[in-house]
Amino acid sequence: MDGFLLSIYGQIQFQRFVYGGVVDKIGEAGELFNDILVLKPTDKSIENKIGSLVIEAYNKKDRANQIEEEVFKTT
């Protein structure tokens, strides 16, 4: 779910609820999530593939952060 919400499709839907210059309103009980449309593949293999790609992306981001930390430690 977080992969979708961070995607361009999730972000576009979040933008509908932005009011003012800097305030994003989710609601105290998360009411905003009731209005977000999430496409769920009917084919389980596609859903699993998307999940695997999201996990792989997070792992690569974690590794990139580790490398960046190592670079800053040596400078």
N, C-alpha and C. Protein backbone atom coordinates (compact mmCIF):
# COMPACT_ATOMS: atom_id res chain seq x y z
N MET A 1 0.82 -1.19 0.00
CA MET A 1 0.00 0.00 0.00
C MET A 1 0.87 1.26 0.00
N ASP A 2 1.93 1.25 0.79
CA ASP A 2 2.76 2.46 0.85
C ASP A 2 3.43 2.74 -0.49
N GLY A 3 3.78 1.68 -1.22
CA GLY A 3 4.36 1.88 -2.55
C GLY A 3 3.39 2.62 -3.46
N PHE A 4 2.12 2.26 -3.40
CA PHE A 4 1.12 2.94 -4.21
C PHE A 4 0.95 4.39 -3.76
N LEU A 5 0.85 4.60 -2.45
CA LEU A 5 0.62 5.95 -1.94
C LEU A 5 1.78 6.89 -2.26
N LEU A 6 2.98 6.34 -2.38
CA LEU A 6 4.14 7.15 -2.72
C LEU A 6 4.31 7.31 -4.23
N SER A 7 3.54 6.54 -5.01
CA SER A 7 3.64 6.63 -6.47
C SER A 7 2.95 7.89 -6.97
N ILE A 8 3.16 8.19 -8.23
CA ILE A 8 2.52 9.36 -8.84
C ILE A 8 1.00 9.26 -8.75
N TYR A 9 0.45 8.05 -8.85
CA TYR A 9 -1.00 7.87 -8.81
C TYR A 9 -1.55 8.16 -7.42
N GLY A 10 -0.84 7.71 -6.40
CA GLY A 10 -1.24 8.00 -5.03
C GLY A 10 -1.08 9.47 -4.70
N GLN A 11 0.02 10.06 -5.15
CA GLN A 11 0.30 11.47 -4.85
C GLN A 11 -0.71 12.40 -5.51
N ILE A 12 -1.13 12.07 -6.71
CA ILE A 12 -2.15 12.89 -7.39
C ILE A 12 -3.43 12.90 -6.57
N GLN A 13 -3.81 11.75 -6.04
CA GLN A 13 -5.02 11.69 -5.23
C GLN A 13 -4.84 12.48 -3.93
N PHE A 14 -3.66 12.41 -3.32
CA PHE A 14 -3.40 13.19 -2.11
C PHE A 14 -3.52 14.68 -2.39
N GLN A 15 -3.07 15.11 -3.56
CA GLN A 15 -3.08 16.54 -3.89
C GLN A 15 -4.49 17.12 -3.90
N ARG A 16 -5.49 16.29 -4.12
CA ARG A 16 -6.87 16.78 -4.09
C ARG A 16 -7.24 17.30 -2.72
N PHE A 17 -6.55 16.84 -1.68
CA PHE A 17 -6.91 17.18 -0.31
C PHE A 17 -6.01 18.23 0.31
N VAL A 18 -5.14 18.81 -0.50
CA VAL A 18 -4.26 19.86 0.01
C VAL A 18 -5.05 21.16 0.04
N TYR A 19 -5.00 21.81 1.18
CA TYR A 19 -5.64 23.12 1.27
C TYR A 19 -4.63 24.09 1.86
N GLY A 20 -4.76 25.36 1.51
CA GLY A 20 -3.78 26.34 1.96
C GLY A 20 -2.47 26.11 1.22
N GLY A 21 -1.42 26.71 1.73
CA GLY A 21 -0.13 26.60 1.06
C GLY A 21 0.67 25.39 1.48
N VAL A 22 0.52 24.96 2.73
CA VAL A 22 1.43 23.93 3.22
C VAL A 22 0.74 22.82 4.00
N VAL A 23 -0.57 22.87 4.17
CA VAL A 23 -1.24 21.92 5.04
C VAL A 23 -1.86 20.79 4.22
N ASP A 24 -1.44 19.58 4.52
CA ASP A 24 -2.08 18.39 3.94
C ASP A 24 -2.99 17.83 5.02
N LYS A 25 -4.23 17.58 4.69
CA LYS A 25 -5.17 17.08 5.69
C LYS A 25 -5.46 15.60 5.45
N ILE A 26 -5.07 14.78 6.40
CA ILE A 26 -5.38 13.35 6.33
C ILE A 26 -6.59 13.06 7.21
N GLY A 27 -6.73 13.79 8.28
CA GLY A 27 -7.83 13.57 9.20
C GLY A 27 -7.34 12.79 10.41
N GLU A 28 -7.94 13.07 11.55
CA GLU A 28 -7.49 12.45 12.79
C GLU A 28 -7.61 10.93 12.77
N ALA A 29 -8.67 10.43 12.16
CA ALA A 29 -8.88 8.98 12.13
C ALA A 29 -8.55 8.40 10.76
N GLY A 30 -7.85 9.16 9.94
CA GLY A 30 -7.46 8.67 8.62
C GLY A 30 -8.59 8.65 7.62
N GLU A 31 -9.55 9.58 7.78
CA GLU A 31 -10.70 9.60 6.87
C GLU A 31 -10.30 9.74 5.41
N LEU A 32 -9.18 10.38 5.16
CA LEU A 32 -8.71 10.58 3.79
C LEU A 32 -8.58 9.26 3.05
N PHE A 33 -8.15 8.24 3.74
CA PHE A 33 -7.91 6.95 3.09
C PHE A 33 -9.18 6.32 2.55
N ASN A 34 -10.33 6.72 3.08
CA ASN A 34 -11.59 6.21 2.55
C ASN A 34 -11.86 6.73 1.14
N ASP A 35 -11.22 7.85 0.78
CA ASP A 35 -11.46 8.47 -0.52
C ASP A 35 -10.38 8.17 -1.55
N ILE A 36 -9.35 7.44 -1.16
CA ILE A 36 -8.26 7.10 -2.08
C ILE A 36 -8.64 5.83 -2.84
N LEU A 37 -8.55 5.88 -4.15
CA LEU A 37 -8.84 4.72 -4.99
C LEU A 37 -7.55 3.97 -5.27
N VAL A 38 -7.52 2.70 -4.93
CA VAL A 38 -6.33 1.87 -5.14
C VAL A 38 -6.69 0.73 -6.07
N LEU A 39 -5.97 0.64 -7.18
CA LEU A 39 -6.18 -0.45 -8.13
C LEU A 39 -5.50 -1.69 -7.59
N LYS A 40 -6.24 -2.75 -7.44
CA LYS A 40 -5.68 -4.02 -6.99
C LYS A 40 -5.81 -5.02 -8.13
N PRO A 41 -4.67 -5.54 -8.61
CA PRO A 41 -4.73 -6.50 -9.72
C PRO A 41 -5.54 -7.73 -9.35
N THR A 42 -6.30 -8.23 -10.30
CA THR A 42 -7.07 -9.45 -10.05
C THR A 42 -6.19 -10.68 -10.16
N ASP A 43 -5.10 -10.56 -10.88
CA ASP A 43 -4.16 -11.67 -11.05
C ASP A 43 -3.14 -11.63 -9.91
N LYS A 44 -3.13 -12.65 -9.08
CA LYS A 44 -2.24 -12.69 -7.91
C LYS A 44 -0.78 -12.63 -8.31
N SER A 45 -0.41 -13.18 -9.46
CA SER A 45 0.99 -13.16 -9.88
C SER A 45 1.45 -11.73 -10.17
N ILE A 46 0.56 -10.91 -10.71
CA ILE A 46 0.90 -9.50 -10.95
C ILE A 46 1.05 -8.77 -9.62
N GLU A 47 0.15 -9.04 -8.70
CA GLU A 47 0.24 -8.43 -7.37
C GLU A 47 1.56 -8.81 -6.69
N ASN A 48 1.94 -10.07 -6.79
CA ASN A 48 3.20 -10.53 -6.19
C ASN A 48 4.40 -9.87 -6.86
N LYS A 49 4.35 -9.71 -8.17
CA LYS A 49 5.45 -9.08 -8.91
C LYS A 49 5.61 -7.62 -8.47
N ILE A 50 4.50 -6.91 -8.36
CA ILE A 50 4.55 -5.52 -7.90
C ILE A 50 5.13 -5.45 -6.50
N GLY A 51 4.68 -6.34 -5.62
CA GLY A 51 5.20 -6.37 -4.26
C GLY A 51 6.69 -6.63 -4.23
N SER A 52 7.14 -7.56 -5.06
CA SER A 52 8.58 -7.87 -5.13
C SER A 52 9.39 -6.67 -5.61
N LEU A 53 8.86 -5.96 -6.60
CA LEU A 53 9.56 -4.78 -7.12
C LEU A 53 9.64 -3.67 -6.07
N VAL A 54 8.57 -3.50 -5.31
CA VAL A 54 8.58 -2.48 -4.25
C VAL A 54 9.60 -2.84 -3.18
N ILE A 55 9.63 -4.10 -2.77
CA ILE A 55 10.60 -4.54 -1.77
C ILE A 55 12.02 -4.36 -2.29
N GLU A 56 12.25 -4.73 -3.54
CA GLU A 56 13.57 -4.57 -4.15
C GLU A 56 13.98 -3.10 -4.17
N ALA A 57 13.04 -2.22 -4.50
CA ALA A 57 13.35 -0.79 -4.53
C ALA A 57 13.72 -0.28 -3.15
N TYR A 58 12.99 -0.70 -2.12
CA TYR A 58 13.32 -0.28 -0.75
C TYR A 58 14.68 -0.81 -0.33
N ASN A 59 14.99 -2.05 -0.69
CA ASN A 59 16.30 -2.62 -0.36
C ASN A 59 17.43 -1.84 -1.04
N LYS A 60 17.22 -1.48 -2.30
CA LYS A 60 18.24 -0.71 -3.01
C LYS A 60 18.39 0.69 -2.42
N LYS A 61 17.29 1.27 -2.00
CA LYS A 61 17.37 2.59 -1.36
C LYS A 61 18.13 2.50 -0.04
N ASP A 62 17.85 1.45 0.75
CA ASP A 62 18.59 1.24 2.00
C ASP A 62 20.08 1.10 1.73
N ARG A 63 20.43 0.33 0.71
CA ARG A 63 21.85 0.13 0.38
C ARG A 63 22.48 1.44 -0.07
N ALA A 64 21.77 2.22 -0.86
CA ALA A 64 22.30 3.52 -1.30
C ALA A 64 22.53 4.43 -0.10
N ASN A 65 21.62 4.40 0.87
CA ASN A 65 21.80 5.21 2.07
C ASN A 65 23.02 4.75 2.86
N GLN A 66 23.25 3.43 2.93
CA GLN A 66 24.43 2.91 3.63
C GLN A 66 25.71 3.39 2.95
N ILE A 67 25.74 3.31 1.64
CA ILE A 67 26.92 3.75 0.89
C ILE A 67 27.15 5.24 1.12
N GLU A 68 26.09 6.02 1.09
CA GLU A 68 26.22 7.46 1.31
C GLU A 68 26.78 7.75 2.71
N GLU A 69 26.30 7.04 3.72
CA GLU A 69 26.81 7.22 5.08
C GLU A 69 28.30 6.88 5.15
N GLU A 70 28.70 5.81 4.48
CA GLU A 70 30.12 5.42 4.47
C GLU A 70 30.98 6.50 3.82
N VAL A 71 30.47 7.09 2.75
CA VAL A 71 31.22 8.15 2.06
C VAL A 71 31.40 9.35 2.99
N PHE A 72 30.36 9.73 3.70
CA PHE A 72 30.47 10.89 4.59
C PHE A 72 31.36 10.61 5.79
N LYS A 73 31.45 9.35 6.22
CA LYS A 73 32.33 8.99 7.33
C LYS A 73 33.79 9.11 6.94
N THR A 74 34.09 8.89 5.68
CA THR A 74 35.49 8.91 5.23
C THR A 74 35.95 10.29 4.78
N THR A 75 35.05 11.24 4.73
CA THR A 75 35.46 12.58 4.28
C THR A 75 35.66 13.52 5.44
